[in-house]
Every structure is written in C-alpha cells, then in structure tokens.
Amino acid sequence: MHTRTISITFSILTAAVLAGCGSSQPTGPTAALGSAPTSAAAPASRSNHFHATLTLDGQPEMDADGNNIRVTVDVTNDGAGTFGSTTEPNNVNLGAHALDTEGKVVINDLARGHLPQIAPGATGKASILLPAHATLGHSVALLPVRENVGWFDTWGTKPLVVGPFQACSDATAGKVCDASGKPLPMAAPAHS
C-alpha cells in the first residue's frame, strides 16, 4: 500500500511539472515580448539552458512566389550546449512572433524555420519564411524555440526584431514594403 501511495504521488507531481513546461509564451494582446516567465521559478542560468545571439544577414526579401518574406539570420550559440533542428529530445527551431506597434505578441507561432546544429561558440545561418499576409502592419520577433520546452528569451536571449511590414502604395500594389515605404527586394530563385 505504501509503494502504491508513493507511485500515485510521484505520478501527480510529474504531471504537474510537465504541465508547466509548455513551449508557448502567453498569447493574446496582453502578452509582452520578453516578459518574465509566468511560472514562479526564476529563469535558469546559461549553463543550464541554451542561449543565442541573432543578427540580421542582409535584408528581408520577398520570396519568388510573392507570398512569403524570407529573413536570413546568423545565429551564434553563446550557451553551453549544441542545438539545432535535430537536437534530441526537443529540437530547436528558429521561431517567429508577430508584434503590434507596442511590441506585444499578437501571433505567437507565426512561423518556424530550420536551424543547423550549432556548437557552443559557433555561428550558423538560418532562414525563415514569414507569411506576408500575416505580417502586414506588424513587426516580427525572431527567436530560437526549444519545442515543447520554451522560447530562448525565457533564458535571456534577446529577440531579433524586423519590420514593421506594410502593404505598399497603389503604385506597387500587391507588394510588401518596409517601414519607410520601400518595397522589399525579390529573393533570387533557388537553384536545384
């Protein structure tokens, strides 16, 4: 009977801990980017979790199909462990949030992009396709996300913010423009 009680107690505690480990940040208009984690636990140090620095590589471009904005970034791993899209048990991808004019998350899981495996101290290049229709009127915050665990800003990584993006004037109807009204360049066609 004592063993059964311990087993049930352990199962309940395990379920409670796993329930607090969702991969998403708070959503909705009140969720601010970079806000403190919602759990009572303090963020862990870099030695216990992944950490990265992101820098823009070039400028955002319209993909050849005109439906997506391609953003390429350099991701430097300044944490303690190797990460990337094939990291086990929880892969790490490049993720995107759409932000309103006040910097609040309005679309939590806007897009995902593949990350190469990046060792501590190394830099890898990654691209992400942002759906143009969902980015109009918004800026976009790019961050690595450890699937089913958390976004890297939970552990101190600063998001890379691009945009805001807007529909161009009538002269360039159907195009996406940057904040200054200049149309985004078209990406070069991919070579097979």
N, C-alpha and C. Protein backbone atom coordinates (compact mmCIF):
# COMPACT_ATOMS: atom_id res chain seq x y z
N MET A 1 0.83 -1.20 0.00
CA MET A 1 0.00 0.00 0.00
C MET A 1 0.87 1.26 0.00
N HIS A 2 1.96 1.24 0.80
CA HIS A 2 2.86 2.40 0.87
C HIS A 2 3.51 2.65 -0.49
N THR A 3 3.92 1.59 -1.19
CA THR A 3 4.52 1.73 -2.51
C THR A 3 3.53 2.31 -3.50
N ARG A 4 2.27 1.89 -3.41
CA ARG A 4 1.23 2.41 -4.31
C ARG A 4 1.00 3.91 -4.05
N THR A 5 1.00 4.34 -2.80
CA THR A 5 0.82 5.75 -2.47
C THR A 5 1.97 6.58 -3.01
N ILE A 6 3.19 6.09 -2.88
CA ILE A 6 4.36 6.79 -3.41
C ILE A 6 4.26 6.89 -4.93
N SER A 7 3.85 5.81 -5.58
CA SER A 7 3.73 5.80 -7.03
C SER A 7 2.68 6.81 -7.50
N ILE A 8 1.54 6.87 -6.84
CA ILE A 8 0.50 7.82 -7.22
C ILE A 8 0.96 9.25 -6.99
N THR A 9 1.62 9.50 -5.86
CA THR A 9 2.13 10.83 -5.55
C THR A 9 3.16 11.25 -6.60
N PHE A 10 4.06 10.36 -6.97
CA PHE A 10 5.07 10.66 -7.99
C PHE A 10 4.41 10.98 -9.32
N SER A 11 3.38 10.22 -9.69
CA SER A 11 2.68 10.46 -10.96
C SER A 11 2.02 11.83 -10.97
N ILE A 12 1.42 12.23 -9.86
CA ILE A 12 0.76 13.53 -9.77
C ILE A 12 1.80 14.65 -9.87
N LEU A 13 2.93 14.50 -9.16
CA LEU A 13 3.97 15.52 -9.21
C LEU A 13 4.57 15.63 -10.61
N THR A 14 4.78 14.50 -11.27
CA THR A 14 5.32 14.50 -12.62
C THR A 14 4.37 15.22 -13.57
N ALA A 15 3.09 14.95 -13.48
CA ALA A 15 2.10 15.61 -14.34
C ALA A 15 2.09 17.11 -14.09
N ALA A 16 2.20 17.53 -12.84
CA ALA A 16 2.20 18.96 -12.52
C ALA A 16 3.43 19.65 -13.10
N VAL A 17 4.59 19.01 -13.01
CA VAL A 17 5.82 19.59 -13.55
C VAL A 17 5.74 19.69 -15.07
N LEU A 18 5.26 18.65 -15.75
CA LEU A 18 5.17 18.67 -17.20
C LEU A 18 4.14 19.69 -17.68
N ALA A 19 3.09 19.91 -16.93
CA ALA A 19 2.08 20.89 -17.32
C ALA A 19 2.67 22.30 -17.37
N GLY A 20 3.68 22.58 -16.56
CA GLY A 20 4.31 23.89 -16.53
C GLY A 20 5.38 24.08 -17.58
N CYS A 21 5.62 23.07 -18.44
CA CYS A 21 6.71 23.13 -19.41
C CYS A 21 6.21 23.29 -20.83
N GLY A 22 5.17 24.04 -21.09
CA GLY A 22 4.68 24.25 -22.44
C GLY A 22 5.68 25.04 -23.26
N SER A 23 5.60 24.92 -24.60
CA SER A 23 6.54 25.63 -25.46
C SER A 23 6.09 27.04 -25.80
N SER A 24 4.87 27.38 -25.51
CA SER A 24 4.37 28.68 -25.92
C SER A 24 4.45 29.70 -24.80
N GLN A 25 4.67 30.94 -25.22
CA GLN A 25 4.59 32.05 -24.29
C GLN A 25 3.13 32.43 -24.19
N PRO A 26 2.76 33.29 -23.25
CA PRO A 26 1.38 33.74 -23.20
C PRO A 26 1.00 34.37 -24.52
N THR A 27 -0.25 34.15 -24.94
CA THR A 27 -0.70 34.72 -26.20
C THR A 27 -1.73 35.79 -25.94
N GLY A 28 -2.10 36.46 -27.02
CA GLY A 28 -3.13 37.47 -26.90
C GLY A 28 -2.54 38.85 -26.81
N PRO A 29 -3.39 39.85 -26.83
CA PRO A 29 -2.90 41.22 -26.91
C PRO A 29 -2.17 41.70 -25.66
N THR A 30 -2.29 41.00 -24.55
CA THR A 30 -1.62 41.47 -23.34
C THR A 30 -0.26 40.83 -23.13
N ALA A 31 0.12 39.86 -23.96
CA ALA A 31 1.41 39.19 -23.79
C ALA A 31 2.51 40.07 -24.36
N ALA A 32 3.41 40.52 -23.54
CA ALA A 32 4.51 41.37 -23.99
C ALA A 32 5.73 40.53 -24.30
N LEU A 33 6.41 40.84 -25.38
CA LEU A 33 7.62 40.12 -25.75
C LEU A 33 8.69 40.38 -24.71
N GLY A 34 9.37 39.32 -24.32
CA GLY A 34 10.45 39.45 -23.36
C GLY A 34 9.97 39.58 -21.94
N SER A 35 8.67 39.33 -21.71
CA SER A 35 8.17 39.41 -20.34
C SER A 35 8.70 38.24 -19.53
N ALA A 36 8.67 38.39 -18.23
CA ALA A 36 9.21 37.36 -17.35
C ALA A 36 8.39 36.09 -17.49
N PRO A 37 9.01 34.92 -17.26
CA PRO A 37 8.27 33.67 -17.32
C PRO A 37 7.09 33.73 -16.36
N THR A 38 6.02 33.01 -16.74
CA THR A 38 4.82 33.07 -15.93
C THR A 38 4.88 32.15 -14.72
N SER A 39 5.83 31.24 -14.67
CA SER A 39 5.93 30.37 -13.51
C SER A 39 6.67 31.09 -12.38
N ALA A 40 6.55 30.53 -11.18
CA ALA A 40 7.18 31.16 -10.02
C ALA A 40 8.70 30.96 -10.03
N ALA A 41 9.17 29.99 -10.81
CA ALA A 41 10.61 29.72 -10.83
C ALA A 41 11.34 30.82 -11.59
N ALA A 42 12.52 31.16 -11.14
CA ALA A 42 13.36 32.17 -11.80
C ALA A 42 13.97 31.55 -13.04
N PRO A 43 14.29 32.36 -14.06
CA PRO A 43 14.95 31.83 -15.25
C PRO A 43 16.27 31.16 -14.89
N ALA A 44 16.57 30.08 -15.60
CA ALA A 44 17.80 29.34 -15.32
C ALA A 44 19.00 30.05 -15.93
N SER A 45 20.16 29.72 -15.46
CA SER A 45 21.39 30.33 -15.98
C SER A 45 21.73 29.76 -17.35
N ARG A 46 22.64 30.43 -18.05
CA ARG A 46 23.06 29.96 -19.38
C ARG A 46 23.67 28.58 -19.33
N SER A 47 24.28 28.21 -18.22
CA SER A 47 24.93 26.90 -18.15
C SER A 47 23.93 25.77 -18.14
N ASN A 48 22.67 26.06 -17.79
CA ASN A 48 21.65 25.02 -17.73
C ASN A 48 20.75 25.01 -18.96
N HIS A 49 20.73 26.07 -19.73
CA HIS A 49 19.84 26.16 -20.88
C HIS A 49 20.59 26.76 -22.06
N PHE A 50 19.93 26.68 -23.21
CA PHE A 50 20.51 27.23 -24.42
C PHE A 50 20.41 28.75 -24.42
N HIS A 51 21.33 29.39 -25.14
CA HIS A 51 21.34 30.85 -25.27
C HIS A 51 21.97 31.18 -26.61
N ALA A 52 21.47 32.23 -27.26
CA ALA A 52 21.98 32.59 -28.58
C ALA A 52 21.92 34.10 -28.79
N THR A 53 22.70 34.56 -29.77
CA THR A 53 22.66 35.93 -30.24
C THR A 53 22.31 35.88 -31.72
N LEU A 54 21.31 36.67 -32.13
CA LEU A 54 20.87 36.68 -33.52
C LEU A 54 21.18 38.02 -34.17
N THR A 55 21.69 37.98 -35.40
CA THR A 55 21.94 39.19 -36.18
C THR A 55 21.39 38.99 -37.59
N LEU A 56 20.86 40.05 -38.15
CA LEU A 56 20.29 40.00 -39.49
C LEU A 56 21.40 39.84 -40.52
N ASP A 57 21.19 38.95 -41.49
CA ASP A 57 22.13 38.74 -42.58
C ASP A 57 21.46 39.26 -43.86
N GLY A 58 21.83 40.45 -44.28
CA GLY A 58 21.17 41.06 -45.42
C GLY A 58 19.88 41.73 -44.97
N GLN A 59 18.93 41.83 -45.88
CA GLN A 59 17.65 42.44 -45.54
C GLN A 59 16.53 41.47 -45.89
N PRO A 60 15.37 41.63 -45.26
CA PRO A 60 14.23 40.78 -45.64
C PRO A 60 13.92 40.92 -47.13
N GLU A 61 13.51 39.81 -47.75
CA GLU A 61 13.20 39.79 -49.18
C GLU A 61 11.88 39.06 -49.41
N MET A 62 11.21 39.40 -50.48
CA MET A 62 10.02 38.65 -50.88
C MET A 62 10.48 37.38 -51.57
N ASP A 63 9.89 36.27 -51.19
CA ASP A 63 10.20 35.00 -51.83
C ASP A 63 9.66 35.03 -53.26
N ALA A 64 10.17 34.17 -54.12
CA ALA A 64 9.81 34.19 -55.54
C ALA A 64 8.30 34.08 -55.76
N ASP A 65 7.59 33.38 -54.88
CA ASP A 65 6.14 33.23 -55.06
C ASP A 65 5.35 34.46 -54.63
N GLY A 66 6.00 35.40 -53.96
CA GLY A 66 5.33 36.62 -53.52
C GLY A 66 4.44 36.46 -52.31
N ASN A 67 4.40 35.26 -51.74
CA ASN A 67 3.52 35.01 -50.59
C ASN A 67 4.25 35.06 -49.26
N ASN A 68 5.57 35.01 -49.29
CA ASN A 68 6.35 34.93 -48.06
C ASN A 68 7.49 35.94 -48.06
N ILE A 69 7.85 36.37 -46.86
CA ILE A 69 9.02 37.22 -46.66
C ILE A 69 10.12 36.33 -46.12
N ARG A 70 11.24 36.29 -46.82
CA ARG A 70 12.38 35.48 -46.39
C ARG A 70 13.32 36.35 -45.56
N VAL A 71 13.62 35.89 -44.35
CA VAL A 71 14.57 36.59 -43.49
C VAL A 71 15.69 35.61 -43.17
N THR A 72 16.93 36.04 -43.38
CA THR A 72 18.10 35.21 -43.09
C THR A 72 18.85 35.83 -41.92
N VAL A 73 19.22 34.98 -40.95
CA VAL A 73 19.90 35.46 -39.75
C VAL A 73 21.13 34.60 -39.48
N ASP A 74 22.08 35.22 -38.80
CA ASP A 74 23.22 34.49 -38.25
C ASP A 74 22.89 34.23 -36.78
N VAL A 75 22.97 32.98 -36.39
CA VAL A 75 22.67 32.58 -35.01
C VAL A 75 23.96 32.12 -34.36
N THR A 76 24.40 32.85 -33.33
CA THR A 76 25.61 32.49 -32.60
C THR A 76 25.20 31.81 -31.29
N ASN A 77 25.73 30.62 -31.09
CA ASN A 77 25.44 29.86 -29.87
C ASN A 77 26.41 30.33 -28.79
N ASP A 78 25.91 31.14 -27.84
CA ASP A 78 26.76 31.57 -26.73
C ASP A 78 26.31 30.92 -25.42
N GLY A 79 25.72 29.73 -25.56
CA GLY A 79 25.33 28.92 -24.41
C GLY A 79 26.27 27.75 -24.23
N ALA A 80 25.82 26.77 -23.46
CA ALA A 80 26.69 25.65 -23.09
C ALA A 80 26.49 24.39 -23.92
N GLY A 81 25.39 24.25 -24.64
CA GLY A 81 25.13 23.01 -25.37
C GLY A 81 24.85 23.24 -26.83
N THR A 82 25.13 22.22 -27.65
CA THR A 82 24.83 22.26 -29.07
C THR A 82 23.32 22.21 -29.26
N PHE A 83 22.80 23.01 -30.22
CA PHE A 83 21.36 22.95 -30.51
C PHE A 83 21.13 23.10 -32.00
N GLY A 84 19.95 22.71 -32.43
CA GLY A 84 19.53 22.82 -33.82
C GLY A 84 18.27 22.01 -34.04
N SER A 85 17.82 21.96 -35.28
CA SER A 85 16.55 21.31 -35.59
C SER A 85 16.56 19.81 -35.40
N THR A 86 17.74 19.21 -35.23
CA THR A 86 17.77 17.77 -34.97
C THR A 86 18.20 17.44 -33.54
N THR A 87 18.24 18.45 -32.66
CA THR A 87 18.59 18.22 -31.26
C THR A 87 17.55 17.31 -30.62
N GLU A 88 17.99 16.32 -29.88
CA GLU A 88 17.09 15.40 -29.18
C GLU A 88 17.19 15.63 -27.69
N PRO A 89 16.16 15.47 -26.91
CA PRO A 89 14.83 15.02 -27.32
C PRO A 89 13.95 16.15 -27.83
N ASN A 90 14.27 17.39 -27.61
CA ASN A 90 13.43 18.51 -28.04
C ASN A 90 14.21 19.37 -29.02
N ASN A 91 13.83 19.27 -30.32
CA ASN A 91 14.57 20.01 -31.33
C ASN A 91 14.43 21.52 -31.14
N VAL A 92 15.39 22.26 -31.67
CA VAL A 92 15.42 23.71 -31.56
C VAL A 92 15.29 24.28 -32.97
N ASN A 93 14.25 25.09 -33.19
CA ASN A 93 13.99 25.72 -34.48
C ASN A 93 14.05 27.23 -34.33
N LEU A 94 14.13 27.91 -35.46
CA LEU A 94 14.00 29.36 -35.45
C LEU A 94 12.51 29.66 -35.50
N GLY A 95 12.01 30.41 -34.53
CA GLY A 95 10.59 30.72 -34.46
C GLY A 95 10.35 32.20 -34.63
N ALA A 96 9.08 32.55 -34.87
CA ALA A 96 8.72 33.95 -35.08
C ALA A 96 7.40 34.29 -34.39
N HIS A 97 7.36 35.48 -33.80
CA HIS A 97 6.15 36.07 -33.23
C HIS A 97 5.83 37.33 -34.04
N ALA A 98 4.55 37.59 -34.30
CA ALA A 98 4.14 38.89 -34.86
C ALA A 98 3.85 39.82 -33.70
N LEU A 99 4.32 41.07 -33.82
CA LEU A 99 4.18 42.06 -32.75
C LEU A 99 3.33 43.23 -33.20
N ASP A 100 2.57 43.80 -32.28
CA ASP A 100 1.84 45.03 -32.61
C ASP A 100 2.78 46.22 -32.44
N THR A 101 2.25 47.42 -32.61
CA THR A 101 3.08 48.63 -32.56
C THR A 101 3.66 48.89 -31.18
N GLU A 102 3.10 48.27 -30.15
CA GLU A 102 3.61 48.43 -28.78
C GLU A 102 4.58 47.32 -28.39
N GLY A 103 4.86 46.40 -29.32
CA GLY A 103 5.79 45.31 -29.03
C GLY A 103 5.15 44.11 -28.36
N LYS A 104 3.83 44.06 -28.33
CA LYS A 104 3.13 42.93 -27.72
C LYS A 104 2.89 41.85 -28.76
N VAL A 105 3.01 40.59 -28.33
CA VAL A 105 2.81 39.45 -29.22
C VAL A 105 1.33 39.37 -29.59
N VAL A 106 1.05 39.38 -30.91
CA VAL A 106 -0.32 39.23 -31.39
C VAL A 106 -0.52 37.90 -32.12
N ILE A 107 0.55 37.34 -32.65
CA ILE A 107 0.53 35.98 -33.21
C ILE A 107 1.75 35.28 -32.63
N ASN A 108 1.51 34.31 -31.75
CA ASN A 108 2.62 33.66 -31.04
C ASN A 108 3.46 32.78 -31.95
N ASP A 109 2.82 31.88 -32.66
CA ASP A 109 3.55 30.93 -33.51
C ASP A 109 3.35 31.29 -34.98
N LEU A 110 3.96 32.38 -35.41
CA LEU A 110 3.80 32.87 -36.78
C LEU A 110 4.44 31.93 -37.79
N ALA A 111 5.66 31.46 -37.49
CA ALA A 111 6.38 30.61 -38.44
C ALA A 111 7.52 29.89 -37.73
N ARG A 112 8.02 28.86 -38.37
CA ARG A 112 9.20 28.13 -37.90
C ARG A 112 10.16 27.97 -39.08
N GLY A 113 11.46 27.96 -38.77
CA GLY A 113 12.48 27.72 -39.78
C GLY A 113 13.51 26.74 -39.24
N HIS A 114 14.17 26.04 -40.14
CA HIS A 114 15.19 25.05 -39.80
C HIS A 114 16.45 25.74 -39.26
N LEU A 115 17.00 25.19 -38.20
CA LEU A 115 18.30 25.65 -37.67
C LEU A 115 19.32 24.54 -37.86
N PRO A 116 20.50 24.84 -38.40
CA PRO A 116 21.55 23.81 -38.44
C PRO A 116 22.01 23.53 -37.01
N GLN A 117 22.68 22.42 -36.81
CA GLN A 117 23.24 22.13 -35.49
C GLN A 117 24.37 23.13 -35.25
N ILE A 118 24.31 23.86 -34.12
CA ILE A 118 25.29 24.90 -33.83
C ILE A 118 25.94 24.60 -32.48
N ALA A 119 27.25 24.36 -32.51
CA ALA A 119 28.01 24.05 -31.29
C ALA A 119 28.26 25.33 -30.49
N PRO A 120 28.54 25.20 -29.19
CA PRO A 120 28.85 26.38 -28.39
C PRO A 120 30.00 27.18 -29.01
N GLY A 121 29.82 28.49 -29.13
CA GLY A 121 30.84 29.36 -29.70
C GLY A 121 30.77 29.49 -31.21
N ALA A 122 29.97 28.66 -31.88
CA ALA A 122 29.88 28.68 -33.34
C ALA A 122 28.68 29.52 -33.79
N THR A 123 28.71 29.88 -35.09
CA THR A 123 27.61 30.63 -35.69
C THR A 123 27.09 29.86 -36.89
N GLY A 124 25.78 29.78 -37.01
CA GLY A 124 25.14 29.13 -38.15
C GLY A 124 24.17 30.09 -38.81
N LYS A 125 23.91 29.86 -40.09
CA LYS A 125 23.00 30.70 -40.86
C LYS A 125 21.66 29.97 -40.97
N ALA A 126 20.57 30.72 -40.77
CA ALA A 126 19.23 30.14 -40.87
C ALA A 126 18.31 31.11 -41.58
N SER A 127 17.35 30.56 -42.32
CA SER A 127 16.34 31.38 -42.99
C SER A 127 14.96 30.95 -42.51
N ILE A 128 14.05 31.90 -42.51
CA ILE A 128 12.67 31.62 -42.13
C ILE A 128 11.76 32.33 -43.11
N LEU A 129 10.66 31.68 -43.49
CA LEU A 129 9.67 32.27 -44.37
C LEU A 129 8.50 32.76 -43.53
N LEU A 130 8.24 34.06 -43.60
CA LEU A 130 7.14 34.66 -42.85
C LEU A 130 5.97 34.87 -43.79
N PRO A 131 4.77 34.39 -43.46
CA PRO A 131 3.63 34.59 -44.35
C PRO A 131 3.31 36.08 -44.48
N ALA A 132 3.43 36.60 -45.69
CA ALA A 132 3.28 38.04 -45.92
C ALA A 132 1.94 38.56 -45.42
N HIS A 133 0.86 37.84 -45.68
CA HIS A 133 -0.47 38.32 -45.29
C HIS A 133 -0.60 38.50 -43.78
N ALA A 134 0.13 37.71 -43.00
CA ALA A 134 0.03 37.79 -41.54
C ALA A 134 1.00 38.81 -40.94
N THR A 135 1.94 39.30 -41.73
CA THR A 135 2.92 40.25 -41.19
C THR A 135 2.55 41.70 -41.47
N LEU A 136 1.63 41.94 -42.38
CA LEU A 136 1.28 43.32 -42.71
C LEU A 136 0.78 44.05 -41.48
N GLY A 137 1.37 45.21 -41.22
CA GLY A 137 1.01 46.00 -40.06
C GLY A 137 1.72 45.57 -38.78
N HIS A 138 2.64 44.61 -38.90
CA HIS A 138 3.33 44.08 -37.73
C HIS A 138 4.84 44.07 -37.91
N SER A 139 5.54 44.11 -36.79
CA SER A 139 6.96 43.74 -36.76
C SER A 139 6.99 42.26 -36.42
N VAL A 140 8.16 41.64 -36.59
CA VAL A 140 8.30 40.22 -36.29
C VAL A 140 9.52 40.02 -35.41
N ALA A 141 9.35 39.28 -34.32
CA ALA A 141 10.45 38.93 -33.42
C ALA A 141 10.89 37.51 -33.74
N LEU A 142 12.18 37.35 -34.00
CA LEU A 142 12.76 36.05 -34.30
C LEU A 142 13.52 35.55 -33.09
N LEU A 143 13.31 34.28 -32.74
CA LEU A 143 13.95 33.66 -31.59
C LEU A 143 14.05 32.17 -31.81
N PRO A 144 15.12 31.53 -31.35
CA PRO A 144 15.09 30.07 -31.32
C PRO A 144 14.04 29.61 -30.30
N VAL A 145 13.46 28.47 -30.57
CA VAL A 145 12.48 27.88 -29.66
C VAL A 145 12.82 26.40 -29.50
N ARG A 146 12.96 25.97 -28.26
CA ARG A 146 13.15 24.55 -27.97
C ARG A 146 11.75 23.96 -27.84
N GLU A 147 11.37 23.19 -28.84
CA GLU A 147 9.99 22.70 -28.94
C GLU A 147 9.58 21.95 -27.68
N ASN A 148 8.38 22.25 -27.23
CA ASN A 148 7.78 21.64 -26.03
C ASN A 148 8.50 21.99 -24.74
N VAL A 149 9.43 22.96 -24.79
CA VAL A 149 10.15 23.38 -23.58
C VAL A 149 10.01 24.88 -23.39
N GLY A 150 10.48 25.70 -24.36
CA GLY A 150 10.36 27.14 -24.20
C GLY A 150 11.11 27.91 -25.27
N TRP A 151 10.73 29.18 -25.40
CA TRP A 151 11.41 30.12 -26.28
C TRP A 151 12.67 30.60 -25.57
N PHE A 152 13.72 30.89 -26.35
CA PHE A 152 15.02 31.24 -25.76
C PHE A 152 15.00 32.54 -24.95
N ASP A 153 14.03 33.43 -25.17
CA ASP A 153 14.01 34.65 -24.36
C ASP A 153 13.72 34.34 -22.90
N THR A 154 13.15 33.17 -22.63
CA THR A 154 12.95 32.72 -21.24
C THR A 154 14.30 32.62 -20.53
N TRP A 155 15.36 32.32 -21.28
CA TRP A 155 16.70 32.13 -20.71
C TRP A 155 17.62 33.30 -21.04
N GLY A 156 17.06 34.43 -21.47
CA GLY A 156 17.86 35.64 -21.63
C GLY A 156 18.26 36.01 -23.04
N THR A 157 17.89 35.22 -24.05
CA THR A 157 18.23 35.58 -25.43
C THR A 157 17.37 36.76 -25.86
N LYS A 158 18.00 37.77 -26.46
CA LYS A 158 17.28 38.94 -26.94
C LYS A 158 16.72 38.65 -28.34
N PRO A 159 15.42 38.85 -28.54
CA PRO A 159 14.84 38.61 -29.86
C PRO A 159 15.41 39.57 -30.90
N LEU A 160 15.49 39.12 -32.14
CA LEU A 160 15.84 39.96 -33.27
C LEU A 160 14.52 40.43 -33.90
N VAL A 161 14.28 41.73 -33.89
CA VAL A 161 13.02 42.27 -34.40
C VAL A 161 13.25 42.88 -35.77
N VAL A 162 12.42 42.47 -36.76
CA VAL A 162 12.46 43.01 -38.12
C VAL A 162 11.09 43.61 -38.44
N GLY A 163 11.10 44.58 -39.35
CA GLY A 163 9.85 45.23 -39.72
C GLY A 163 9.71 46.54 -38.98
N PRO A 164 8.55 47.13 -38.98
CA PRO A 164 7.27 46.57 -39.40
C PRO A 164 7.14 46.50 -40.92
N PHE A 165 6.25 45.60 -41.35
CA PHE A 165 5.97 45.42 -42.76
C PHE A 165 4.60 46.00 -43.06
N GLN A 166 4.43 46.54 -44.26
CA GLN A 166 3.16 47.15 -44.64
C GLN A 166 2.89 46.92 -46.12
N ALA A 167 1.64 47.06 -46.51
CA ALA A 167 1.30 46.99 -47.93
C ALA A 167 1.85 48.25 -48.59
N CYS A 168 2.40 48.09 -49.78
CA CYS A 168 2.95 49.24 -50.50
C CYS A 168 1.82 50.11 -51.05
N SER A 169 2.19 51.31 -51.47
CA SER A 169 1.22 52.24 -52.05
C SER A 169 0.65 51.68 -53.35
N ASP A 170 -0.33 52.36 -53.91
CA ASP A 170 -1.00 51.89 -55.14
C ASP A 170 -0.05 51.65 -56.30
N ALA A 171 1.04 52.42 -56.36
CA ALA A 171 1.99 52.29 -57.47
C ALA A 171 2.65 50.92 -57.49
N THR A 172 2.71 50.28 -56.34
CA THR A 172 3.33 48.95 -56.27
C THR A 172 2.36 47.98 -55.60
N ALA A 173 1.12 48.01 -56.05
CA ALA A 173 0.08 47.17 -55.44
C ALA A 173 0.51 45.70 -55.43
N GLY A 174 0.16 45.03 -54.34
CA GLY A 174 0.49 43.62 -54.21
C GLY A 174 1.87 43.38 -53.65
N LYS A 175 2.62 44.42 -53.42
CA LYS A 175 3.97 44.29 -52.88
C LYS A 175 3.96 44.58 -51.38
N VAL A 176 5.01 44.11 -50.70
CA VAL A 176 5.19 44.39 -49.28
C VAL A 176 6.34 45.38 -49.15
N CYS A 177 6.13 46.38 -48.31
CA CYS A 177 7.14 47.42 -48.10
C CYS A 177 7.66 47.39 -46.68
N ASP A 178 8.85 47.97 -46.50
CA ASP A 178 9.40 48.12 -45.16
C ASP A 178 8.77 49.35 -44.50
N ALA A 179 9.22 49.70 -43.32
CA ALA A 179 8.63 50.80 -42.56
C ALA A 179 8.74 52.15 -43.28
N SER A 180 9.74 52.30 -44.15
CA SER A 180 9.92 53.56 -44.87
C SER A 180 9.09 53.63 -46.15
N GLY A 181 8.37 52.55 -46.49
CA GLY A 181 7.56 52.53 -47.70
C GLY A 181 8.28 51.98 -48.91
N LYS A 182 9.51 51.51 -48.72
CA LYS A 182 10.30 50.96 -49.82
C LYS A 182 9.94 49.47 -50.02
N PRO A 183 9.62 49.06 -51.26
CA PRO A 183 9.28 47.65 -51.50
C PRO A 183 10.45 46.72 -51.15
N LEU A 184 10.11 45.58 -50.56
CA LEU A 184 11.15 44.58 -50.27
C LEU A 184 11.66 44.01 -51.59
N PRO A 185 12.96 43.78 -51.69
CA PRO A 185 13.51 43.18 -52.92
C PRO A 185 13.04 41.73 -53.07
N MET A 186 13.06 41.26 -54.29
CA MET A 186 12.70 39.87 -54.56
C MET A 186 13.92 38.98 -54.33
N ALA A 187 13.70 37.85 -53.67
CA ALA A 187 14.77 36.89 -53.43
C ALA A 187 15.16 36.25 -54.76
N ALA A 188 16.43 35.91 -54.89
CA ALA A 188 16.89 35.20 -56.08
C ALA A 188 16.25 33.81 -56.08
N PRO A 189 15.87 33.31 -57.27
CA PRO A 189 15.28 31.97 -57.33
C PRO A 189 16.25 30.93 -56.78
N ALA A 190 15.70 29.95 -56.08
CA ALA A 190 16.52 28.87 -55.50
C ALA A 190 17.02 27.98 -56.63
N HIS A 191 18.27 27.55 -56.52
CA HIS A 191 18.86 26.65 -57.52
C HIS A 191 18.72 25.22 -57.04
N SER A 192 18.35 24.32 -57.93
CA SER A 192 18.19 22.91 -57.57
C SER A 192 19.46 22.15 -57.78
